[in-house]
Amino acid sequence: MGKRKKNRLSKKQREIFQTLIFFGITIFSIVGLITYLWVYTEIDGTLVAIEIQNSTVNQLSNDIKELTNDIETLSRIDNISIRARNELGMVPAQAESIFVYTNPYQKRSDD
């Protein structure tokens, strides 16, 4: 019977052990919940930043499309000539012909 008493925990030791287990599990649970909330907050912040960046990308893409359309519209020859006439007061140049006559029989002086 002496051996059985040594292997058994006393009632006081058992209560202390159960109390330590309870506080350990409680502290572990609290630390786990705090970690979960921290990770959730970080993920939520990252998702908000990604949404902001996506909306910025969409807005910039739309701006690029609008500017490309404006460039294509403004670079057309008829639009350029209309603006040159109306806004700048320019007139179209008259076509001129230049004739250069050469004498194929004349000797060059450097020969």
Protein backbone atom coordinates (compact mmCIF):
# COMPACT_ATOMS: atom_id res chain seq x y z
CA MET A 1 0.00 0.00 0.00
CA GLY A 2 2.92 2.33 0.48
CA LYS A 3 3.68 2.36 -3.22
CA ARG A 4 0.16 3.32 -4.18
CA LYS A 5 0.20 6.41 -2.04
CA LYS A 6 3.43 7.64 -3.64
CA ASN A 7 2.05 7.32 -7.21
CA ARG A 8 -1.14 9.16 -6.39
CA LEU A 9 -1.33 12.91 -6.29
CA SER A 10 -2.79 14.43 -3.23
CA LYS A 11 -6.00 16.38 -3.51
CA LYS A 12 -4.15 19.68 -3.06
CA GLN A 13 -1.61 18.81 -5.78
CA ARG A 14 -4.40 17.74 -8.13
CA GLU A 15 -6.21 21.06 -7.59
CA ILE A 16 -3.00 23.03 -8.26
CA PHE A 17 -2.38 20.96 -11.41
CA GLN A 18 -5.95 21.53 -12.66
CA THR A 19 -5.68 25.23 -11.88
CA LEU A 20 -2.40 25.48 -13.85
CA ILE A 21 -3.97 23.62 -16.77
CA PHE A 22 -7.02 25.93 -16.68
CA PHE A 23 -4.89 29.10 -16.64
CA GLY A 24 -2.59 27.69 -19.33
CA ILE A 25 -5.50 26.92 -21.62
CA THR A 26 -7.08 30.31 -20.85
CA ILE A 27 -3.86 32.21 -21.60
CA PHE A 28 -3.27 30.15 -24.74
CA SER A 29 -6.84 30.88 -25.91
CA ILE A 30 -6.48 34.61 -25.26
CA VAL A 31 -3.14 34.74 -27.08
CA GLY A 32 -4.65 32.78 -29.98
CA LEU A 33 -7.64 35.14 -30.23
CA ILE A 34 -5.41 38.23 -30.09
CA THR A 35 -3.21 36.74 -32.81
CA TYR A 36 -6.29 35.94 -34.90
CA LEU A 37 -7.61 39.50 -34.56
CA TRP A 38 -4.20 40.95 -35.45
CA VAL A 39 -3.92 38.77 -38.56
CA TYR A 40 -7.52 39.56 -39.54
CA THR A 41 -6.85 43.30 -39.16
CA GLU A 42 -3.69 43.04 -41.29
CA ILE A 43 -5.53 41.10 -44.00
CA ASP A 44 -8.41 43.56 -43.96
CA GLY A 45 -6.02 46.51 -44.27
CA THR A 46 -4.23 44.79 -47.14
CA LEU A 47 -7.52 44.14 -48.95
CA VAL A 48 -8.51 47.79 -48.59
CA ALA A 49 -5.14 48.87 -50.00
CA ILE A 50 -5.53 46.46 -52.92
CA GLU A 51 -9.03 47.82 -53.67
CA ILE A 52 -7.69 51.37 -53.65
CA GLN A 53 -4.86 50.39 -55.99
CA ASN A 54 -7.27 48.58 -58.34
CA SER A 55 -9.56 51.59 -58.52
CA THR A 56 -6.52 53.80 -59.20
CA VAL A 57 -5.41 51.45 -61.98
CA ASN A 58 -8.90 51.52 -63.52
CA GLN A 59 -9.04 55.31 -63.34
CA LEU A 60 -5.58 55.66 -64.91
CA SER A 61 -6.52 53.17 -67.62
CA ASN A 62 -9.62 55.21 -68.45
CA ASP A 63 -7.54 58.39 -68.52
CA ILE A 64 -5.07 56.77 -70.92
CA LYS A 65 -7.90 55.66 -73.21
CA GLU A 66 -9.39 59.16 -73.21
CA LEU A 67 -6.02 60.76 -73.97
CA THR A 68 -5.35 58.25 -76.74
CA ASN A 69 -8.72 59.07 -78.30
CA ASP A 70 -7.97 62.80 -78.02
CA ILE A 71 -4.57 62.31 -79.67
CA GLU A 72 -6.10 60.30 -82.50
CA THR A 73 -8.81 62.90 -83.01
CA LEU A 74 -6.45 65.85 -82.90
CA SER A 75 -3.81 64.29 -85.13
CA ARG A 76 -6.17 63.93 -88.10
CA ILE A 77 -5.16 66.20 -90.96
CA ASP A 78 -8.61 67.73 -91.45
CA ASN A 79 -8.80 68.72 -87.77
CA ILE A 80 -5.31 70.21 -87.91
CA SER A 81 -6.14 72.29 -90.98
CA ILE A 82 -9.47 73.49 -89.51
CA ARG A 83 -7.78 74.58 -86.29
CA ALA A 84 -4.94 76.23 -88.21
CA ARG A 85 -7.44 78.24 -90.28
CA ASN A 86 -9.94 79.11 -87.56
CA GLU A 87 -7.89 79.48 -84.38
CA LEU A 88 -4.51 80.57 -85.72
CA GLY A 89 -5.63 82.47 -88.82
CA MET A 90 -3.40 80.51 -91.16
CA VAL A 91 -4.20 80.07 -94.83
CA PRO A 92 -3.29 77.07 -96.95
CA ALA A 93 -0.24 77.52 -99.12
CA GLN A 94 -0.65 77.68 -102.88
CA ALA A 95 0.98 74.88 -104.76
CA GLU A 96 4.09 75.96 -106.60
CA SER A 97 6.06 74.23 -109.25
CA ILE A 98 9.77 74.55 -109.57
CA PHE A 99 11.50 73.52 -112.74
CA VAL A 100 15.22 72.93 -112.81
CA TYR A 101 16.72 72.65 -116.27
CA THR A 102 20.01 71.00 -116.76
CA ASN A 103 22.07 70.82 -119.93
CA PRO A 104 23.19 67.21 -120.32
CA TYR A 105 25.73 68.20 -122.98
CA GLN A 106 27.58 70.79 -120.96
CA LYS A 107 30.91 69.67 -119.55
CA ARG A 108 31.40 69.97 -115.88
CA SER A 109 34.21 72.16 -114.75
CA ASP A 110 35.61 69.58 -112.30
CA ASP A 111 36.25 67.04 -115.10
